[in-house]
């Protein structure tokens, strides 16, 4: 039974991590231009945020859910500014052909940035509720069983980012300079437009609330 609960959590974690949004693009370009370790630590931040959402949905932490929804526009504003700045940097600053060695502070920053960007979208909590119902996880009761489920969510999301990070890093040397240049520009443009869209939605939400 415990293995079944863990397996359900892993499935949910993979399904939640699959969509390629701004966080996914950010992780992919970090794998390409900074190396597998940087990309994986970025994915680890997203996985930790997914597990946090899973815990909120699984344990029924409505007060924390409501708090995230209440401040979602402010989170969106901060996330939009970050993506705009990162997108501008990606478009106008070149990258070295080979990744540079990274220190602990940069790795911590990579983790924190993707964790914060993922948390900035509390709508994901609703996705967890729907997916939990689909796999029958909503019938799981007891703190221990729910903890195993949430651990499975983290593991599933982590497995996805692990495979993606090292998979991309293993083939990056096959891309020529021109391909890398266009990958840099395209990913930068996606992050720039995502940041702009997030800012517009956040400002609209704050105006309505005000």
Protein backbone atom coordinates (compact mmCIF):
# COMPACT_ATOMS: atom_id res chain seq x y z
CA UNK A 1 0.00 0.00 0.00
CA UNK A 2 2.78 2.42 0.89
CA UNK A 3 4.55 1.68 -2.40
CA UNK A 4 1.31 2.37 -4.26
CA UNK A 5 0.92 5.72 -2.51
CA UNK A 6 4.54 6.58 -3.33
CA UNK A 7 4.00 5.59 -6.97
CA UNK A 8 0.92 7.80 -7.18
CA UNK A 9 2.93 10.70 -5.79
CA UNK A 10 5.71 10.12 -8.33
CA UNK A 11 3.19 10.11 -11.18
CA UNK A 12 1.64 13.35 -9.94
CA UNK A 13 5.09 14.95 -9.58
CA UNK A 14 6.04 14.06 -13.15
CA UNK A 15 2.71 15.27 -14.57
CA UNK A 16 2.99 18.60 -12.74
CA UNK A 17 6.59 19.10 -13.88
CA UNK A 18 5.97 18.24 -17.54
CA UNK A 19 4.46 21.51 -18.88
CA UNK A 20 7.15 23.76 -20.33
CA UNK A 21 6.49 27.23 -18.89
CA UNK A 22 8.92 30.04 -17.99
CA UNK A 23 10.49 27.94 -15.22
CA UNK A 24 11.09 25.09 -17.66
CA UNK A 25 12.65 27.44 -20.22
CA UNK A 26 14.85 28.94 -17.50
CA UNK A 27 16.07 25.50 -16.41
CA UNK A 28 16.70 24.40 -19.99
CA UNK A 29 18.80 27.45 -20.86
CA UNK A 30 20.76 27.08 -17.63
CA UNK A 31 21.55 23.49 -18.66
CA UNK A 32 22.67 24.72 -22.06
CA UNK A 33 24.75 27.70 -21.01
CA UNK A 34 25.74 26.99 -17.39
CA UNK A 35 25.97 23.19 -17.32
CA UNK A 36 24.00 20.22 -15.98
CA UNK A 37 24.65 20.94 -12.30
CA UNK A 38 23.29 24.48 -12.52
CA UNK A 39 20.26 23.28 -14.46
CA UNK A 40 19.60 20.43 -12.07
CA UNK A 41 19.79 22.66 -8.98
CA UNK A 42 17.35 25.00 -10.73
CA UNK A 43 15.04 22.03 -11.29
CA UNK A 44 15.48 21.07 -7.65
CA UNK A 45 14.03 24.45 -6.66
CA UNK A 46 11.00 23.83 -8.88
CA UNK A 47 10.60 20.32 -7.43
CA UNK A 48 10.70 21.71 -3.88
CA UNK A 49 7.99 24.22 -4.79
CA UNK A 50 5.87 21.45 -6.36
CA UNK A 51 6.23 19.41 -3.15
CA UNK A 52 5.17 22.49 -1.16
CA UNK A 53 2.02 22.82 -3.27
CA UNK A 54 1.43 19.08 -2.92
CA UNK A 55 1.69 19.38 0.87
CA UNK A 56 -0.76 22.29 0.91
CA UNK A 57 -3.27 20.30 -1.14
CA UNK A 58 -2.63 16.96 0.56
CA UNK A 59 -2.74 18.19 4.16
CA UNK A 60 -5.57 20.63 3.48
CA UNK A 61 -3.56 23.69 4.59
CA UNK A 62 -6.27 26.12 3.52
CA UNK A 63 -4.85 29.04 5.49
CA UNK A 64 -1.55 28.80 3.60
CA UNK A 65 -3.38 28.33 0.29
CA UNK A 66 -5.52 31.42 0.95
CA UNK A 67 -2.44 33.44 1.91
CA UNK A 68 -0.72 32.54 -1.36
CA UNK A 69 -3.82 33.45 -3.36
CA UNK A 70 -4.18 36.74 -1.50
CA UNK A 71 -0.66 37.84 -2.41
CA UNK A 72 -0.46 36.14 -5.81
CA UNK A 73 -0.42 39.45 -7.71
CA UNK A 74 2.56 40.69 -5.68
CA UNK A 75 4.32 37.38 -6.30
CA UNK A 76 3.50 37.74 -9.98
CA UNK A 77 4.88 41.29 -10.01
CA UNK A 78 8.21 40.15 -8.53
CA UNK A 79 8.37 37.14 -10.85
CA UNK A 80 7.61 39.28 -13.89
CA UNK A 81 10.42 41.73 -13.06
CA UNK A 82 12.87 38.85 -12.59
CA UNK A 83 11.94 37.24 -15.92
CA UNK A 84 12.14 40.58 -17.72
CA UNK A 85 15.63 41.28 -16.38
CA UNK A 86 16.79 37.74 -17.09
CA UNK A 87 15.32 37.84 -20.60
CA UNK A 88 17.06 41.15 -21.37
CA UNK A 89 20.33 39.77 -20.06
CA UNK A 90 19.93 36.63 -22.19
CA UNK A 91 19.20 38.62 -25.34
CA UNK A 92 21.93 41.21 -25.07
CA UNK A 93 24.74 39.47 -23.22
CA UNK A 94 26.65 36.63 -24.84
CA UNK A 95 27.49 33.31 -23.20
CA UNK A 96 30.70 31.36 -23.15
CA UNK A 97 30.82 28.21 -25.26
CA UNK A 98 31.77 26.15 -22.20
CA UNK A 99 30.01 26.43 -18.80
CA UNK A 100 31.99 28.10 -16.05
CA UNK A 101 32.55 26.46 -12.64
CA UNK A 102 29.86 27.55 -10.17
CA UNK A 103 30.20 28.39 -6.49
CA UNK A 104 27.77 27.54 -3.72
CA UNK A 105 26.21 31.00 -3.70
CA UNK A 106 25.29 30.83 -7.39
CA UNK A 107 23.83 27.37 -6.94
CA UNK A 108 21.79 28.61 -3.99
CA UNK A 109 20.58 31.50 -6.13
CA UNK A 110 19.60 29.08 -8.90
CA UNK A 111 17.55 27.02 -6.41
CA UNK A 112 15.93 30.07 -4.82
CA UNK A 113 14.98 31.71 -8.13
CA UNK A 114 13.10 28.71 -9.55
CA UNK A 115 11.50 27.94 -6.17
CA UNK A 116 10.22 31.53 -5.93
CA UNK A 117 9.03 31.59 -9.57
CA UNK A 118 7.11 28.34 -9.12
CA UNK A 119 5.57 29.47 -5.82
CA UNK A 120 4.54 32.71 -7.56
CA UNK A 121 1.90 30.66 -9.42
CA UNK A 122 -0.42 29.36 -6.64
CA UNK A 123 -2.94 28.24 -9.28
CA UNK A 124 -0.83 25.07 -9.35
CA UNK A 125 -2.48 24.10 -6.05
CA UNK A 126 -5.77 23.70 -7.92
CA UNK A 127 -4.02 21.48 -10.46
CA UNK A 128 -2.83 19.26 -7.62
CA UNK A 129 -6.37 18.90 -6.30
CA UNK A 130 -7.62 17.80 -9.73
CA UNK A 131 -4.74 15.39 -10.40
CA UNK A 132 -4.94 13.92 -6.88
CA UNK A 133 -8.60 13.14 -7.57
CA UNK A 134 -7.76 11.55 -10.93
CA UNK A 135 -5.26 9.10 -9.43
CA UNK A 136 -7.39 8.41 -6.36
CA UNK A 137 -4.95 10.16 -4.04
CA UNK A 138 -7.69 12.30 -2.51
CA UNK A 139 -8.92 9.19 -0.65
CA UNK A 140 -5.61 8.80 1.18
CA UNK A 141 -5.91 9.61 4.87
CA UNK A 142 -3.43 9.87 7.73
CA UNK A 143 -0.40 12.09 8.17
CA UNK A 144 2.03 9.29 7.36
CA UNK A 145 0.37 8.30 4.09
CA UNK A 146 0.00 11.92 2.95
CA UNK A 147 3.66 12.52 3.79
CA UNK A 148 4.64 9.58 1.57
CA UNK A 149 2.42 10.98 -1.19
CA UNK A 150 4.07 14.41 -0.95
CA UNK A 151 7.51 12.76 -0.90
CA UNK A 152 6.53 10.95 -4.09
CA UNK A 153 5.52 14.25 -5.70
CA UNK A 154 8.95 15.66 -4.89
CA UNK A 155 10.69 12.54 -6.19
CA UNK A 156 8.67 12.48 -9.42
CA UNK A 157 9.34 16.14 -10.14
CA UNK A 158 13.00 15.66 -9.25
CA UNK A 159 13.34 12.68 -11.60
CA UNK A 160 11.93 14.75 -14.45
CA UNK A 161 14.33 17.62 -13.88
CA UNK A 162 17.24 15.22 -13.37
CA UNK A 163 16.59 13.51 -16.70
CA UNK A 164 16.01 16.80 -18.51
CA UNK A 165 19.10 18.51 -17.09
CA UNK A 166 21.61 15.79 -17.79
CA UNK A 167 19.92 14.83 -21.05
CA UNK A 168 20.30 18.36 -22.43
CA UNK A 169 23.83 18.70 -21.06
CA UNK A 170 24.86 15.45 -22.75
CA UNK A 171 23.89 16.67 -26.22
CA UNK A 172 24.76 20.38 -25.94
CA UNK A 173 28.20 19.81 -27.50
CA UNK A 174 26.48 18.60 -30.68
CA UNK A 175 25.11 22.10 -31.28
CA UNK A 176 27.25 24.54 -33.22
CA UNK A 177 27.86 28.17 -32.33
CA UNK A 178 25.05 29.39 -34.59
CA UNK A 179 22.55 27.00 -33.03
CA UNK A 180 23.62 28.02 -29.52
CA UNK A 181 23.28 31.68 -30.49
CA UNK A 182 19.71 31.19 -31.68
CA UNK A 183 18.82 29.04 -28.68
CA UNK A 184 20.05 31.89 -26.51
CA UNK A 185 17.96 34.44 -28.41
CA UNK A 186 14.80 32.35 -28.57
CA UNK A 187 14.89 31.37 -24.90
CA UNK A 188 15.66 34.98 -23.95
CA UNK A 189 12.70 36.20 -26.00
CA UNK A 190 10.40 33.64 -24.35
CA UNK A 191 11.50 34.71 -20.87
CA UNK A 192 11.16 38.39 -21.82
CA UNK A 193 7.62 37.96 -23.17
CA UNK A 194 6.64 35.74 -20.22
CA UNK A 195 7.89 38.37 -17.79
CA UNK A 196 5.97 41.09 -19.62
CA UNK A 197 2.77 39.04 -19.61
CA UNK A 198 3.15 38.23 -15.93
CA UNK A 199 3.67 41.91 -15.12
CA UNK A 200 0.57 42.95 -17.05
CA UNK A 201 -1.60 40.37 -15.28
CA UNK A 202 -0.16 41.30 -11.88
CA UNK A 203 -0.74 45.05 -12.40
CA UNK A 204 -4.31 44.40 -13.55
CA UNK A 205 -4.94 42.22 -10.50
CA UNK A 206 -3.52 44.85 -8.13
CA UNK A 207 -5.66 47.56 -9.73
CA UNK A 208 -8.82 45.50 -9.31
CA UNK A 209 -7.90 44.68 -5.71
CA UNK A 210 -7.12 48.32 -5.00
